[in-house]
């Protein structure tokens, strides 16, 4: 990635090994597109409740567009991370298909 990864945590704390996991998953997105200019991961914790769902939001800035993955949640932070980054990978692949012209455009009536 050209710009550093930004991790924002709300209503909770992230252990250092989870932060490293987020960094490695974000660098894995670089495999699909080397033109990612910004990656911001926002993790919202369970708040005052010790056992609640975590939710993640990933914002990727690529040339000409922002790719946003929202509403990815799971009972554990690991589940939420897996779901969010797999959704981000799918959306990044869709963006690249459209950008390279592999998707047919609808004909004008």
Protein backbone atom coordinates (compact mmCIF):
# COMPACT_ATOMS: atom_id res chain seq x y z
CA UNK A 1 0.00 0.00 0.00
CA UNK A 2 1.20 3.48 -0.71
CA UNK A 3 -0.10 5.01 2.49
CA UNK A 4 0.04 3.41 5.91
CA UNK A 5 -2.78 1.41 7.37
CA UNK A 6 -5.03 3.26 9.78
CA UNK A 7 -6.72 1.29 12.57
CA UNK A 8 -9.43 2.99 14.65
CA UNK A 9 -10.92 1.27 17.70
CA UNK A 10 -14.16 2.32 19.37
CA UNK A 11 -15.64 0.93 22.58
CA UNK A 12 -12.95 -1.62 23.23
CA UNK A 13 -9.27 -2.42 23.03
CA UNK A 14 -7.38 -4.48 20.48
CA UNK A 15 -4.51 -6.73 21.51
CA UNK A 16 -1.25 -6.27 19.65
CA UNK A 17 -1.53 -9.66 17.92
CA UNK A 18 -4.93 -8.67 16.47
CA UNK A 19 -3.44 -5.43 15.17
CA UNK A 20 -0.69 -7.45 13.50
CA UNK A 21 -3.33 -9.75 12.02
CA UNK A 22 -5.22 -6.77 10.60
CA UNK A 23 -1.99 -5.45 9.09
CA UNK A 24 -1.20 -8.79 7.46
CA UNK A 25 -4.76 -9.14 6.08
CA UNK A 26 -4.60 -5.58 4.71
CA UNK A 27 -1.26 -6.25 3.05
CA UNK A 28 -2.88 -9.33 1.50
CA UNK A 29 -5.27 -7.01 -0.33
CA UNK A 30 -2.20 -5.55 -2.00
CA UNK A 31 -1.92 -8.87 -3.86
CA UNK A 32 -5.03 -8.03 -5.87
CA UNK A 33 -4.45 -4.32 -6.41
CA UNK A 34 -1.18 -2.50 -5.93
CA UNK A 35 -2.85 0.89 -6.34
CA UNK A 36 -4.59 0.99 -2.97
CA UNK A 37 -3.92 4.48 -1.65
CA UNK A 38 -5.51 4.17 1.78
CA UNK A 39 -6.90 1.47 4.00
CA UNK A 40 -8.82 2.37 7.13
CA UNK A 41 -10.18 -0.30 9.48
CA UNK A 42 -12.67 0.78 12.15
CA UNK A 43 -13.41 -1.79 14.85
CA UNK A 44 -16.35 -1.15 17.15
CA UNK A 45 -16.25 -3.26 20.28
CA UNK A 46 -18.98 -4.51 22.54
CA UNK A 47 -18.80 -1.39 24.73
CA UNK A 48 -19.36 -1.89 28.42
CA UNK A 49 -20.52 -5.44 27.86
CA UNK A 50 -17.69 -7.92 27.96
CA UNK A 51 -19.33 -10.44 25.64
CA UNK A 52 -20.94 -8.77 22.70
CA UNK A 53 -20.50 -8.66 18.96
CA UNK A 54 -17.67 -6.77 17.30
CA UNK A 55 -18.38 -4.90 14.09
CA UNK A 56 -15.88 -3.83 11.48
CA UNK A 57 -15.85 -1.25 8.72
CA UNK A 58 -13.15 -1.22 6.06
CA UNK A 59 -12.64 1.73 3.74
CA UNK A 60 -10.28 1.27 0.78
CA UNK A 61 -9.37 4.24 -1.37
CA UNK A 62 -8.43 3.28 -4.91
CA UNK A 63 -8.10 5.53 -7.98
CA UNK A 64 -11.51 6.94 -8.80
CA UNK A 65 -13.44 5.27 -6.01
CA UNK A 66 -13.83 4.42 -2.33
CA UNK A 67 -14.65 0.81 -1.56
CA UNK A 68 -16.52 0.53 1.74
CA UNK A 69 -17.31 -2.70 3.57
CA UNK A 70 -19.79 -2.26 6.42
CA UNK A 71 -22.00 -4.34 8.67
CA UNK A 72 -19.49 -7.15 9.10
CA UNK A 73 -19.93 -8.45 12.60
CA UNK A 74 -19.27 -11.57 14.57
CA UNK A 75 -19.38 -12.87 18.11
CA UNK A 76 -15.60 -12.93 18.19
CA UNK A 77 -13.23 -10.45 16.67
CA UNK A 78 -11.64 -13.19 14.58
CA UNK A 79 -14.97 -14.01 12.91
CA UNK A 80 -15.62 -10.35 12.17
CA UNK A 81 -12.11 -9.94 10.70
CA UNK A 82 -12.51 -12.95 8.44
CA UNK A 83 -15.90 -11.84 7.13
CA UNK A 84 -14.86 -8.21 6.62
CA UNK A 85 -11.64 -8.92 4.74
CA UNK A 86 -13.20 -11.60 2.53
CA UNK A 87 -15.95 -9.10 1.62
CA UNK A 88 -13.30 -6.43 0.94
CA UNK A 89 -11.43 -8.87 -1.31
CA UNK A 90 -14.59 -9.63 -3.31
CA UNK A 91 -15.43 -5.95 -3.75
CA UNK A 92 -11.86 -5.14 -4.75
CA UNK A 93 -11.95 -7.93 -7.36
CA UNK A 94 -15.26 -6.57 -8.71
CA UNK A 95 -13.77 -3.09 -8.95
CA UNK A 96 -10.77 -4.43 -10.87
CA UNK A 97 -12.98 -6.40 -13.27
CA UNK A 98 -14.96 -3.28 -14.09
CA UNK A 99 -11.82 -1.17 -14.39
CA UNK A 100 -10.16 -3.63 -16.79
CA UNK A 101 -13.31 -3.93 -18.90
CA UNK A 102 -14.05 -7.58 -18.18
CA UNK A 103 -17.69 -6.75 -17.37
CA UNK A 104 -20.05 -6.10 -20.22
CA UNK A 105 -21.86 -2.77 -20.23
CA UNK A 106 -25.57 -2.63 -20.91
CA UNK A 107 -26.50 -1.49 -24.40
CA UNK A 108 -28.27 1.83 -24.70
CA UNK A 109 -31.91 1.54 -25.85
